[in-house]
């Protein structure tokens, strides 16, 4: 069992990264910050004779090195304009490339973490829908969403206890790590 935390925030040490590390505290895991990777936009090649694959960036390396071997994926994103970060959106768009090449998505458990300043549980519901539907399509098991309201740079670190949605996800992760 391997847990991969993918921080979709441009801030390597911001609230999203802190939330992921708090949820995964004492659980063996690998953290990857999408801000450390060059990820190109999806290029739909279905109407051409070109392969549905872009080898000019870091996407394939990230997928082969970390994602492929993980049984559990934790995606974290801040809320930007009522949606996931651009980094996470580009990363997820590229899943089509992997799907086109029979990448082993099926059976992986996926957990979603959302951090937002202004009512993220209601204003960012589209993020949960997009991730959940992607999991269904790729035959991954969507485990749920943990949501935190945070605005200041250290708000998540300063929380005495995490919200119930985050504690519920942590409990699910602890069960699979035993």
C-alpha atoms as a PDB file:
ATOM      1  CA  UNK A   1       0.000   0.000   0.000  1.00  0.00           C
ATOM      2  CA  UNK A   2       1.422   3.329  -1.086  1.00  0.00           C
ATOM      3  CA  UNK A   3      -0.102   6.769  -0.530  1.00  0.00           C
ATOM      4  CA  UNK A   4       0.674   9.623  -2.902  1.00  0.00           C
ATOM      5  CA  UNK A   5      -0.257  13.175  -1.912  1.00  0.00           C
ATOM      6  CA  UNK A   6      -0.420  15.534  -4.879  1.00  0.00           C
ATOM      7  CA  UNK A   7      -0.420  19.162  -3.805  1.00  0.00           C
ATOM      8  CA  UNK A   8      -2.140  21.157  -6.550  1.00  0.00           C
ATOM      9  CA  UNK A   9      -1.354  24.516  -4.976  1.00  0.00           C
ATOM     10  CA  UNK A  10       1.356  26.809  -6.342  1.00  0.00           C
ATOM     11  CA  UNK A  11       2.426  27.225  -2.702  1.00  0.00           C
ATOM     12  CA  UNK A  12       4.640  24.348  -1.573  1.00  0.00           C
ATOM     13  CA  UNK A  13       4.151  25.236   2.100  1.00  0.00           C
ATOM     14  CA  UNK A  14       0.689  26.814   2.021  1.00  0.00           C
ATOM     15  CA  UNK A  15      -2.603  25.739   3.532  1.00  0.00           C
ATOM     16  CA  UNK A  16      -3.250  22.983   0.994  1.00  0.00           C
ATOM     17  CA  UNK A  17       0.138  21.356   1.586  1.00  0.00           C
ATOM     18  CA  UNK A  18      -0.307  21.728   5.340  1.00  0.00           C
ATOM     19  CA  UNK A  19      -3.759  20.122   5.219  1.00  0.00           C
ATOM     20  CA  UNK A  20      -2.409  17.152   3.276  1.00  0.00           C
ATOM     21  CA  UNK A  21       0.442  16.639   5.698  1.00  0.00           C
ATOM     22  CA  UNK A  22      -1.881  16.921   8.719  1.00  0.00           C
ATOM     23  CA  UNK A  23      -4.290  14.364   7.291  1.00  0.00           C
ATOM     24  CA  UNK A  24      -1.436  12.016   6.429  1.00  0.00           C
ATOM     25  CA  UNK A  25       0.457  12.503   9.691  1.00  0.00           C
ATOM     26  CA  UNK A  26       1.988   9.200  10.821  1.00  0.00           C
ATOM     27  CA  UNK A  27       0.981   7.533   7.529  1.00  0.00           C
ATOM     28  CA  UNK A  28       3.772   6.533   5.163  1.00  0.00           C
ATOM     29  CA  UNK A  29       3.337   8.623   2.025  1.00  0.00           C
ATOM     30  CA  UNK A  30       5.079  10.488  -0.761  1.00  0.00           C
ATOM     31  CA  UNK A  31       4.274  14.149  -1.432  1.00  0.00           C
ATOM     32  CA  UNK A  32       4.571  15.734  -4.851  1.00  0.00           C
ATOM     33  CA  UNK A  33       3.993  19.437  -5.479  1.00  0.00           C
ATOM     34  CA  UNK A  34       2.656  20.071  -8.971  1.00  0.00           C
ATOM     35  CA  UNK A  35       4.409  23.454  -8.841  1.00  0.00           C
ATOM     36  CA  UNK A  36       7.693  21.517  -9.123  1.00  0.00           C
ATOM     37  CA  UNK A  37       6.696  19.990 -12.462  1.00  0.00           C
ATOM     38  CA  UNK A  38       6.411  21.384 -15.965  1.00  0.00           C
ATOM     39  CA  UNK A  39       2.991  20.255 -17.206  1.00  0.00           C
ATOM     40  CA  UNK A  40       1.791  21.154 -20.682  1.00  0.00           C
ATOM     41  CA  UNK A  41      -1.848  21.640 -21.589  1.00  0.00           C
ATOM     42  CA  UNK A  42      -3.725  18.657 -23.020  1.00  0.00           C
ATOM     43  CA  UNK A  43      -3.444  18.393 -26.803  1.00  0.00           C
ATOM     44  CA  UNK A  44      -6.261  16.312 -28.246  1.00  0.00           C
ATOM     45  CA  UNK A  45      -4.703  14.287 -31.078  1.00  0.00           C
ATOM     46  CA  UNK A  46      -7.673  12.039 -31.870  1.00  0.00           C
ATOM     47  CA  UNK A  47      -8.300  13.707 -35.248  1.00  0.00           C
ATOM     48  CA  UNK A  48      -4.653  13.336 -36.311  1.00  0.00           C
ATOM     49  CA  UNK A  49      -2.200  10.526 -36.810  1.00  0.00           C
ATOM     50  CA  UNK A  50      -0.155  11.737 -33.837  1.00  0.00           C
ATOM     51  CA  UNK A  51      -0.104   9.670 -30.633  1.00  0.00           C
ATOM     52  CA  UNK A  52      -2.210  10.925 -27.716  1.00  0.00           C
ATOM     53  CA  UNK A  53       0.896  11.629 -25.678  1.00  0.00           C
ATOM     54  CA  UNK A  54       3.199  14.575 -24.927  1.00  0.00           C
ATOM     55  CA  UNK A  55       6.687  13.557 -23.877  1.00  0.00           C
ATOM     56  CA  UNK A  56       8.053  17.125 -23.745  1.00  0.00           C
ATOM     57  CA  UNK A  57       7.151  17.777 -20.100  1.00  0.00           C
ATOM     58  CA  UNK A  58       7.217  16.055 -16.693  1.00  0.00           C
ATOM     59  CA  UNK A  59       3.771  14.453 -16.793  1.00  0.00           C
ATOM     60  CA  UNK A  60       4.821  10.945 -17.893  1.00  0.00           C
ATOM     61  CA  UNK A  61       7.617  10.819 -15.313  1.00  0.00           C
ATOM     62  CA  UNK A  62       5.246  11.805 -12.505  1.00  0.00           C
ATOM     63  CA  UNK A  63       2.683   9.233 -13.599  1.00  0.00           C
ATOM     64  CA  UNK A  64       5.166   6.380 -14.076  1.00  0.00           C
ATOM     65  CA  UNK A  65       7.348   7.130 -11.060  1.00  0.00           C
ATOM     66  CA  UNK A  66       4.743   7.876  -8.408  1.00  0.00           C
ATOM     67  CA  UNK A  67       1.128   7.619  -9.531  1.00  0.00           C
ATOM     68  CA  UNK A  68       1.333   4.154 -11.105  1.00  0.00           C
ATOM     69  CA  UNK A  69       2.599   2.475  -7.936  1.00  0.00           C
ATOM     70  CA  UNK A  70       0.254   4.232  -5.530  1.00  0.00           C
ATOM     71  CA  UNK A  71      -2.828   2.477  -4.210  1.00  0.00           C
ATOM     72  CA  UNK A  72      -4.165   5.656  -2.612  1.00  0.00           C
ATOM     73  CA  UNK A  73      -4.084   9.124  -4.164  1.00  0.00           C
ATOM     74  CA  UNK A  74      -4.752  12.273  -2.151  1.00  0.00           C
ATOM     75  CA  UNK A  75      -5.375  15.326  -4.339  1.00  0.00           C
ATOM     76  CA  UNK A  76      -5.207  18.734  -2.678  1.00  0.00           C
ATOM     77  CA  UNK A  77      -6.273  22.036  -4.192  1.00  0.00           C
ATOM     78  CA  UNK A  78      -6.991  25.568  -3.152  1.00  0.00           C
ATOM     79  CA  UNK A  79     -10.157  27.140  -4.525  1.00  0.00           C
ATOM     80  CA  UNK A  80      -9.421  29.661  -7.271  1.00  0.00           C
ATOM     81  CA  UNK A  81     -12.430  31.359  -8.834  1.00  0.00           C
ATOM     82  CA  UNK A  82     -14.810  28.613  -7.658  1.00  0.00           C
ATOM     83  CA  UNK A  83     -12.702  25.847  -9.151  1.00  0.00           C
ATOM     84  CA  UNK A  84      -9.549  23.786  -8.624  1.00  0.00           C
ATOM     85  CA  UNK A  85      -6.127  25.299  -9.221  1.00  0.00           C
ATOM     86  CA  UNK A  86      -4.874  25.505 -12.790  1.00  0.00           C
ATOM     87  CA  UNK A  87      -2.050  23.117 -11.912  1.00  0.00           C
ATOM     88  CA  UNK A  88      -4.449  20.401 -10.788  1.00  0.00           C
ATOM     89  CA  UNK A  89      -6.796  20.988 -13.736  1.00  0.00           C
ATOM     90  CA  UNK A  90      -3.959  20.591 -16.252  1.00  0.00           C
ATOM     91  CA  UNK A  91      -2.739  17.466 -14.436  1.00  0.00           C
ATOM     92  CA  UNK A  92      -6.204  15.906 -14.496  1.00  0.00           C
ATOM     93  CA  UNK A  93      -6.779  16.885 -18.136  1.00  0.00           C
ATOM     94  CA  UNK A  94      -3.673  14.917 -19.002  1.00  0.00           C
ATOM     95  CA  UNK A  95      -5.203  11.778 -17.503  1.00  0.00           C
ATOM     96  CA  UNK A  96      -6.784  11.365 -20.949  1.00  0.00           C
ATOM     97  CA  UNK A  97      -3.287  10.772 -22.372  1.00  0.00           C
ATOM     98  CA  UNK A  98      -2.689   8.039 -19.809  1.00  0.00           C
ATOM     99  CA  UNK A  99      -6.126   6.529 -20.290  1.00  0.00           C
ATOM    100  CA  UNK A 100      -5.432   6.365 -24.040  1.00  0.00           C
ATOM    101  CA  UNK A 101      -2.369   4.232 -23.259  1.00  0.00           C
ATOM    102  CA  UNK A 102      -4.069   1.826 -20.835  1.00  0.00           C
ATOM    103  CA  UNK A 103      -2.620   3.377 -17.684  1.00  0.00           C
ATOM    104  CA  UNK A 104      -3.660   1.403 -14.567  1.00  0.00           C
ATOM    105  CA  UNK A 105      -6.112   3.835 -12.908  1.00  0.00           C
ATOM    106  CA  UNK A 106      -8.665   1.170 -11.957  1.00  0.00           C
ATOM    107  CA  UNK A 107      -8.903   0.248  -8.305  1.00  0.00           C
ATOM    108  CA  UNK A 108      -6.971   3.202  -6.923  1.00  0.00           C
ATOM    109  CA  UNK A 109      -8.644   4.998  -4.015  1.00  0.00           C
ATOM    110  CA  UNK A 110      -8.784   8.773  -4.394  1.00  0.00           C
ATOM    111  CA  UNK A 111      -9.337  11.370  -1.659  1.00  0.00           C
ATOM    112  CA  UNK A 112      -9.891  15.079  -2.331  1.00  0.00           C
ATOM    113  CA  UNK A 113      -8.813  17.980  -0.118  1.00  0.00           C
ATOM    114  CA  UNK A 114     -10.146  21.487  -0.750  1.00  0.00           C
ATOM    115  CA  UNK A 115      -9.001  24.688   0.955  1.00  0.00           C
ATOM    116  CA  UNK A 116     -10.850  27.938   0.363  1.00  0.00           C
ATOM    117  CA  UNK A 117     -11.410  31.281   2.015  1.00  0.00           C
ATOM    118  CA  UNK A 118     -15.075  31.904   1.268  1.00  0.00           C
ATOM    119  CA  UNK A 119     -17.546  29.085   1.959  1.00  0.00           C
ATOM    120  CA  UNK A 120     -15.591  26.414   0.051  1.00  0.00           C
ATOM    121  CA  UNK A 121     -18.018  23.630   0.984  1.00  0.00           C
ATOM    122  CA  UNK A 122     -20.730  25.248  -1.146  1.00  0.00           C
ATOM    123  CA  UNK A 123     -18.844  27.423  -3.607  1.00  0.00           C
ATOM    124  CA  UNK A 124     -16.432  24.703  -4.702  1.00  0.00           C
ATOM    125  CA  UNK A 125     -18.898  21.837  -5.072  1.00  0.00           C
ATOM    126  CA  UNK A 126     -17.970  21.652  -8.764  1.00  0.00           C
ATOM    127  CA  UNK A 127     -14.488  20.478  -7.836  1.00  0.00           C
ATOM    128  CA  UNK A 128     -15.880  17.468  -6.011  1.00  0.00           C
ATOM    129  CA  UNK A 129     -18.202  16.717  -8.921  1.00  0.00           C
ATOM    130  CA  UNK A 130     -15.384  16.873 -11.480  1.00  0.00           C
ATOM    131  CA  UNK A 131     -13.074  14.642  -9.445  1.00  0.00           C
ATOM    132  CA  UNK A 132     -15.802  12.167  -8.527  1.00  0.00           C
ATOM    133  CA  UNK A 133     -16.979  11.834 -12.135  1.00  0.00           C
ATOM    134  CA  UNK A 134     -13.383  11.413 -13.327  1.00  0.00           C
ATOM    135  CA  UNK A 135     -12.917   8.624 -10.805  1.00  0.00           C
ATOM    136  CA  UNK A 136     -16.069   6.907 -12.039  1.00  0.00           C
ATOM    137  CA  UNK A 137     -14.905   7.116 -15.651  1.00  0.00           C
ATOM    138  CA  UNK A 138     -11.422   5.814 -14.800  1.00  0.00           C
ATOM    139  CA  UNK A 139     -12.724   3.102 -12.431  1.00  0.00           C
ATOM    140  CA  UNK A 140     -11.044   4.633  -9.384  1.00  0.00           C
ATOM    141  CA  UNK A 141     -12.812   4.619  -6.040  1.00  0.00           C
ATOM    142  CA  UNK A 142     -13.663   8.146  -4.903  1.00  0.00           C
ATOM    143  CA  UNK A 143     -13.426   8.205  -1.104  1.00  0.00           C
ATOM    144  CA  UNK A 144     -14.792  11.695  -0.441  1.00  0.00           C
ATOM    145  CA  UNK A 145     -13.838  15.313   0.091  1.00  0.00           C
ATOM    146  CA  UNK A 146     -12.309  17.082   3.078  1.00  0.00           C
ATOM    147  CA  UNK A 147     -12.948  20.826   3.130  1.00  0.00           C
ATOM    148  CA  UNK A 148     -11.258  23.536   5.198  1.00  0.00           C
ATOM    149  CA  UNK A 149     -12.013  27.231   5.321  1.00  0.00           C
ATOM    150  CA  UNK A 150      -8.698  29.073   5.459  1.00  0.00           C
ATOM    151  CA  UNK A 151      -7.459  32.415   4.191  1.00  0.00           C
ATOM    152  CA  UNK A 152      -4.278  33.431   6.005  1.00  0.00           C
ATOM    153  CA  UNK A 153      -0.974  31.736   5.179  1.00  0.00           C
ATOM    154  CA  UNK A 154      -0.907  29.637   8.367  1.00  0.00           C
ATOM    155  CA  UNK A 155      -4.625  29.134   9.020  1.00  0.00           C
ATOM    156  CA  UNK A 156      -4.599  25.350   8.559  1.00  0.00           C
ATOM    157  CA  UNK A 157      -1.532  24.938  10.750  1.00  0.00           C
ATOM    158  CA  UNK A 158      -3.239  26.986  13.470  1.00  0.00           C
ATOM    159  CA  UNK A 159      -6.402  24.856  13.566  1.00  0.00           C
ATOM    160  CA  UNK A 160      -6.715  23.058  16.899  1.00  0.00           C
ATOM    161  CA  UNK A 161      -8.615  20.270  15.177  1.00  0.00           C
ATOM    162  CA  UNK A 162      -9.511  19.563  11.578  1.00  0.00           C
ATOM    163  CA  UNK A 163     -13.120  19.827  10.349  1.00  0.00           C
ATOM    164  CA  UNK A 164     -15.240  16.636  10.464  1.00  0.00           C
ATOM    165  CA  UNK A 165     -14.986  16.078   6.688  1.00  0.00           C
ATOM    166  CA  UNK A 166     -11.186  15.991   6.963  1.00  0.00           C
ATOM    167  CA  UNK A 167     -11.209  13.776  10.042  1.00  0.00           C
ATOM    168  CA  UNK A 168     -13.497  11.332   8.206  1.00  0.00           C
ATOM    169  CA  UNK A 169     -11.038  11.106   5.294  1.00  0.00           C
ATOM    170  CA  UNK A 170      -8.140  10.673   7.696  1.00  0.00           C
ATOM    171  CA  UNK A 171      -9.994   7.797   9.352  1.00  0.00           C
ATOM    172  CA  UNK A 172     -10.517   6.094   5.981  1.00  0.00           C
ATOM    173  CA  UNK A 173      -6.813   6.436   5.229  1.00  0.00           C
ATOM    174  CA  UNK A 174      -5.829   5.082   8.655  1.00  0.00           C
ATOM    175  CA  UNK A 175      -8.003   2.015   8.065  1.00  0.00           C
ATOM    176  CA  UNK A 176      -6.233   1.161   4.796  1.00  0.00           C
ATOM    177  CA  UNK A 177      -2.780   1.723   6.283  1.00  0.00           C
ATOM    178  CA  UNK A 178      -3.282  -0.936   8.976  1.00  0.00           C
END
